Amino acid sequence: MIKKFIAHKGSKLTIEWYCNKLGKSVAFDYFKKLSPNQKKKFVHLLFVLGDLGKIFNKEKFRYEGDQIYAIKTSPDRFLCFFFEGSKIIITNAYEKKSAKMPKREKEKALNAKKDYIKRYKEGTYYE
C-alpha cells in the first residue's frame, strides 16, 4: 500500500499522500481531477521540494502555522506537514477562493496529521 501513496521520492525528501483508514486519499483524488497543466505545475514543485529539500519561492511554499505548510499552485493549495525520516505528508487540497485559508481546510490538515501520527506509532498506517 505504501508505494501507492508516494507522490515523489526525491534525494532529500519523500513526499506522500495521506490516506485515511479506508485507504482513501482526498488530496490525491483532488490532484487527479486537475487539468494537465495544473498537474504539471504541481508535480514540478514536488520534484523541487523532494530533490532540493526546500522550495525557495515563498509564493509557492509557505508556512501556515501549527506545523502545516501549503504547496501553492494557482489557484490550488495542497496542505502538508513534515514528518520524521525526511517525509512530507500531503493531507488535503482545495481551490483558493479568498485571501485567507478557510479554517476548515487547516482543521482537516491538523486532523489528518493527528491521525497519521497515531496510526504510524501504532504500526497500523502502512499495513
C-alpha atoms as a PDB file:
ATOM      1  CA  MET A   1       0.000   0.000   0.000  1.00  0.00           C
ATOM      2  CA  ILE A   2       2.818   2.466   0.743  1.00  0.00           C
ATOM      3  CA  LYS A   3       4.015   2.564  -2.873  1.00  0.00           C
ATOM      4  CA  LYS A   4       0.542   3.640  -3.999  1.00  0.00           C
ATOM      5  CA  PHE A   5       0.754   6.786  -1.894  1.00  0.00           C
ATOM      6  CA  ILE A   6       4.242   8.043  -2.711  1.00  0.00           C
ATOM      7  CA  ALA A   7       3.868  11.260  -4.694  1.00  0.00           C
ATOM      8  CA  HIS A   8       7.638  11.686  -5.204  1.00  0.00           C
ATOM      9  CA  LYS A   9      10.746  10.113  -3.721  1.00  0.00           C
ATOM     10  CA  GLY A  10      13.446  12.718  -4.051  1.00  0.00           C
ATOM     11  CA  SER A  11      17.086  12.672  -2.994  1.00  0.00           C
ATOM     12  CA  LYS A  12      16.285  14.799   0.101  1.00  0.00           C
ATOM     13  CA  LEU A  13      12.620  14.144   0.928  1.00  0.00           C
ATOM     14  CA  THR A  14       9.909  11.567   0.266  1.00  0.00           C
ATOM     15  CA  ILE A  15       6.517  13.126  -0.352  1.00  0.00           C
ATOM     16  CA  GLU A  16       3.437  11.010   0.342  1.00  0.00           C
ATOM     17  CA  TRP A  17      -0.313  11.384   0.002  1.00  0.00           C
ATOM     18  CA  TYR A  18      -2.060  10.943   3.367  1.00  0.00           C
ATOM     19  CA  CYS A  19      -4.700   8.210   3.320  1.00  0.00           C
ATOM     20  CA  ASN A  20      -7.468   7.602   5.816  1.00  0.00           C
ATOM     21  CA  LYS A  21      -8.268   4.261   7.478  1.00  0.00           C
ATOM     22  CA  LEU A  22     -10.194   3.176   4.388  1.00  0.00           C
ATOM     23  CA  GLY A  23      -7.144   3.743   2.160  1.00  0.00           C
ATOM     24  CA  LYS A  24      -8.607   6.854   0.514  1.00  0.00           C
ATOM     25  CA  SER A  25      -6.555   9.966  -0.181  1.00  0.00           C
ATOM     26  CA  VAL A  26      -8.626  13.125  -0.518  1.00  0.00           C
ATOM     27  CA  ALA A  27      -5.596  15.118  -1.688  1.00  0.00           C
ATOM     28  CA  PHE A  28      -4.664  12.547  -4.360  1.00  0.00           C
ATOM     29  CA  ASP A  29      -8.272  12.431  -5.581  1.00  0.00           C
ATOM     30  CA  TYR A  30      -8.194  16.242  -5.863  1.00  0.00           C
ATOM     31  CA  PHE A  31      -4.901  16.063  -7.791  1.00  0.00           C
ATOM     32  CA  LYS A  32      -6.312  13.523 -10.262  1.00  0.00           C
ATOM     33  CA  LYS A  33      -9.113  15.978 -11.186  1.00  0.00           C
ATOM     34  CA  LEU A  34      -6.729  18.824 -12.079  1.00  0.00           C
ATOM     35  CA  SER A  35      -6.095  19.839 -15.668  1.00  0.00           C
ATOM     36  CA  PRO A  36      -2.893  18.517 -17.270  1.00  0.00           C
ATOM     37  CA  ASN A  37      -1.303  21.979 -16.958  1.00  0.00           C
ATOM     38  CA  GLN A  38      -2.185  22.256 -13.252  1.00  0.00           C
ATOM     39  CA  LYS A  39      -0.831  18.738 -12.635  1.00  0.00           C
ATOM     40  CA  LYS A  40       2.412  19.642 -14.398  1.00  0.00           C
ATOM     41  CA  LYS A  41       2.934  22.730 -12.208  1.00  0.00           C
ATOM     42  CA  PHE A  42       2.249  20.784  -9.017  1.00  0.00           C
ATOM     43  CA  VAL A  43       4.494  17.857  -9.963  1.00  0.00           C
ATOM     44  CA  HIS A  44       7.298  20.311 -10.753  1.00  0.00           C
ATOM     45  CA  LEU A  45       7.035  21.714  -7.213  1.00  0.00           C
ATOM     46  CA  LEU A  46       7.067  18.177  -5.768  1.00  0.00           C
ATOM     47  CA  PHE A  47      10.290  17.426  -7.642  1.00  0.00           C
ATOM     48  CA  VAL A  48      11.924  20.651  -6.459  1.00  0.00           C
ATOM     49  CA  LEU A  49      10.849  20.010  -2.867  1.00  0.00           C
ATOM     50  CA  GLY A  50      11.844  16.347  -2.884  1.00  0.00           C
ATOM     51  CA  ASP A  51      15.168  16.799  -4.651  1.00  0.00           C
ATOM     52  CA  LEU A  52      16.352  20.056  -3.066  1.00  0.00           C
ATOM     53  CA  GLY A  53      14.592  19.683   0.284  1.00  0.00           C
ATOM     54  CA  LYS A  54      13.151  23.177   0.006  1.00  0.00           C
ATOM     55  CA  ILE A  55      11.168  25.473  -2.272  1.00  0.00           C
ATOM     56  CA  PHE A  56      12.837  28.857  -2.109  1.00  0.00           C
ATOM     57  CA  ASN A  57       9.898  30.796  -3.562  1.00  0.00           C
ATOM     58  CA  LYS A  58       7.550  31.771  -0.691  1.00  0.00           C
ATOM     59  CA  GLU A  59       4.803  32.298  -3.265  1.00  0.00           C
ATOM     60  CA  LYS A  60       4.892  28.535  -3.914  1.00  0.00           C
ATOM     61  CA  PHE A  61       5.571  27.073  -0.443  1.00  0.00           C
ATOM     62  CA  ARG A  62       4.537  28.746   2.766  1.00  0.00           C
ATOM     63  CA  TYR A  63       4.318  28.036   6.477  1.00  0.00           C
ATOM     64  CA  GLU A  64       0.696  28.337   7.637  1.00  0.00           C
ATOM     65  CA  GLY A  65       1.227  27.840  11.383  1.00  0.00           C
ATOM     66  CA  ASP A  66       0.687  24.784  13.593  1.00  0.00           C
ATOM     67  CA  GLN A  67       3.381  22.885  11.638  1.00  0.00           C
ATOM     68  CA  ILE A  68       1.229  22.964   8.496  1.00  0.00           C
ATOM     69  CA  TYR A  69       2.618  24.121   5.144  1.00  0.00           C
ATOM     70  CA  ALA A  70       0.950  24.945   1.829  1.00  0.00           C
ATOM     71  CA  ILE A  71       2.265  23.943  -1.576  1.00  0.00           C
ATOM     72  CA  LYS A  72       0.761  26.617  -3.791  1.00  0.00           C
ATOM     73  CA  THR A  73      -0.112  26.418  -7.460  1.00  0.00           C
ATOM     74  CA  SER A  74      -2.646  28.967  -8.579  1.00  0.00           C
ATOM     75  CA  PRO A  75      -5.495  28.515  -7.716  1.00  0.00           C
ATOM     76  CA  ASP A  76      -4.835  25.261  -5.829  1.00  0.00           C
ATOM     77  CA  ARG A  77      -3.437  24.718  -2.349  1.00  0.00           C
ATOM     78  CA  PHE A  78      -2.091  21.416  -1.049  1.00  0.00           C
ATOM     79  CA  LEU A  79      -1.622  21.314   2.721  1.00  0.00           C
ATOM     80  CA  CYS A  80       1.095  19.161   4.238  1.00  0.00           C
ATOM     81  CA  PHE A  81       3.388  18.580   7.204  1.00  0.00           C
ATOM     82  CA  PHE A  82       6.937  17.349   7.733  1.00  0.00           C
ATOM     83  CA  PHE A  83       7.425  14.011   9.483  1.00  0.00           C
ATOM     84  CA  GLU A  84      10.433  12.131  10.838  1.00  0.00           C
ATOM     85  CA  GLY A  85      12.577  10.272   8.370  1.00  0.00           C
ATOM     86  CA  SER A  86      12.625  13.120   5.827  1.00  0.00           C
ATOM     87  CA  LYS A  87       8.971  12.799   4.849  1.00  0.00           C
ATOM     88  CA  ILE A  88       6.314  15.266   3.853  1.00  0.00           C
ATOM     89  CA  ILE A  89       2.723  14.097   4.105  1.00  0.00           C
ATOM     90  CA  ILE A  90       0.169  15.863   1.871  1.00  0.00           C
ATOM     91  CA  THR A  91      -3.094  15.871   3.804  1.00  0.00           C
ATOM     92  CA  ASN A  92      -5.695  17.723   1.768  1.00  0.00           C
ATOM     93  CA  ALA A  93      -6.192  20.189  -1.061  1.00  0.00           C
ATOM     94  CA  TYR A  94      -8.585  22.925  -2.061  1.00  0.00           C
ATOM     95  CA  GLU A  95      -9.110  25.674  -4.603  1.00  0.00           C
ATOM     96  CA  LYS A  96      -8.230  29.106  -3.257  1.00  0.00           C
ATOM     97  CA  LYS A  97     -11.189  31.455  -3.492  1.00  0.00           C
ATOM     98  CA  SER A  98     -10.308  34.106  -0.902  1.00  0.00           C
ATOM     99  CA  ALA A  99      -7.240  35.769   0.576  1.00  0.00           C
ATOM    100  CA  LYS A 100      -7.373  33.735   3.783  1.00  0.00           C
ATOM    101  CA  MET A 101      -7.155  29.981   4.095  1.00  0.00           C
ATOM    102  CA  PRO A 102     -10.535  28.552   5.104  1.00  0.00           C
ATOM    103  CA  LYS A 103     -10.379  27.488   8.747  1.00  0.00           C
ATOM    104  CA  ARG A 104     -11.921  24.095   7.980  1.00  0.00           C
ATOM    105  CA  GLU A 105      -9.132  23.276   5.485  1.00  0.00           C
ATOM    106  CA  LYS A 106      -6.478  23.818   8.133  1.00  0.00           C
ATOM    107  CA  GLU A 107      -8.550  21.780  10.606  1.00  0.00           C
ATOM    108  CA  LYS A 108      -8.686  18.926   8.061  1.00  0.00           C
ATOM    109  CA  ALA A 109      -4.904  19.064   7.762  1.00  0.00           C
ATOM    110  CA  LEU A 110      -4.431  19.047  11.537  1.00  0.00           C
ATOM    111  CA  ASN A 111      -6.856  16.134  11.978  1.00  0.00           C
ATOM    112  CA  ALA A 112      -5.125  14.155   9.232  1.00  0.00           C
ATOM    113  CA  LYS A 113      -1.740  14.859  10.835  1.00  0.00           C
ATOM    114  CA  LYS A 114      -3.009  13.665  14.209  1.00  0.00           C
ATOM    115  CA  ASP A 115      -4.473  10.502  12.649  1.00  0.00           C
ATOM    116  CA  TYR A 116      -1.312   9.794  10.646  1.00  0.00           C
ATOM    117  CA  ILE A 117       0.957  10.117  13.707  1.00  0.00           C
ATOM    118  CA  LYS A 118      -1.353   7.951  15.841  1.00  0.00           C
ATOM    119  CA  ARG A 119      -1.603   5.181  13.237  1.00  0.00           C
ATOM    120  CA  TYR A 120       2.122   5.411  12.447  1.00  0.00           C
ATOM    121  CA  LYS A 121       3.051   4.979  16.131  1.00  0.00           C
ATOM    122  CA  GLU A 122       0.617   2.072  16.446  1.00  0.00           C
ATOM    123  CA  GLY A 123       2.248   0.458  13.421  1.00  0.00           C
ATOM    124  CA  THR A 124      -1.052   0.312  11.529  1.00  0.00           C
ATOM    125  CA  TYR A 125      -0.617   3.076   8.933  1.00  0.00           C
ATOM    126  CA  TYR A 126       1.414   1.090   6.374  1.00  0.00           C
ATOM    127  CA  GLU A 127      -0.367  -2.256   6.748  1.00  0.00           C
END
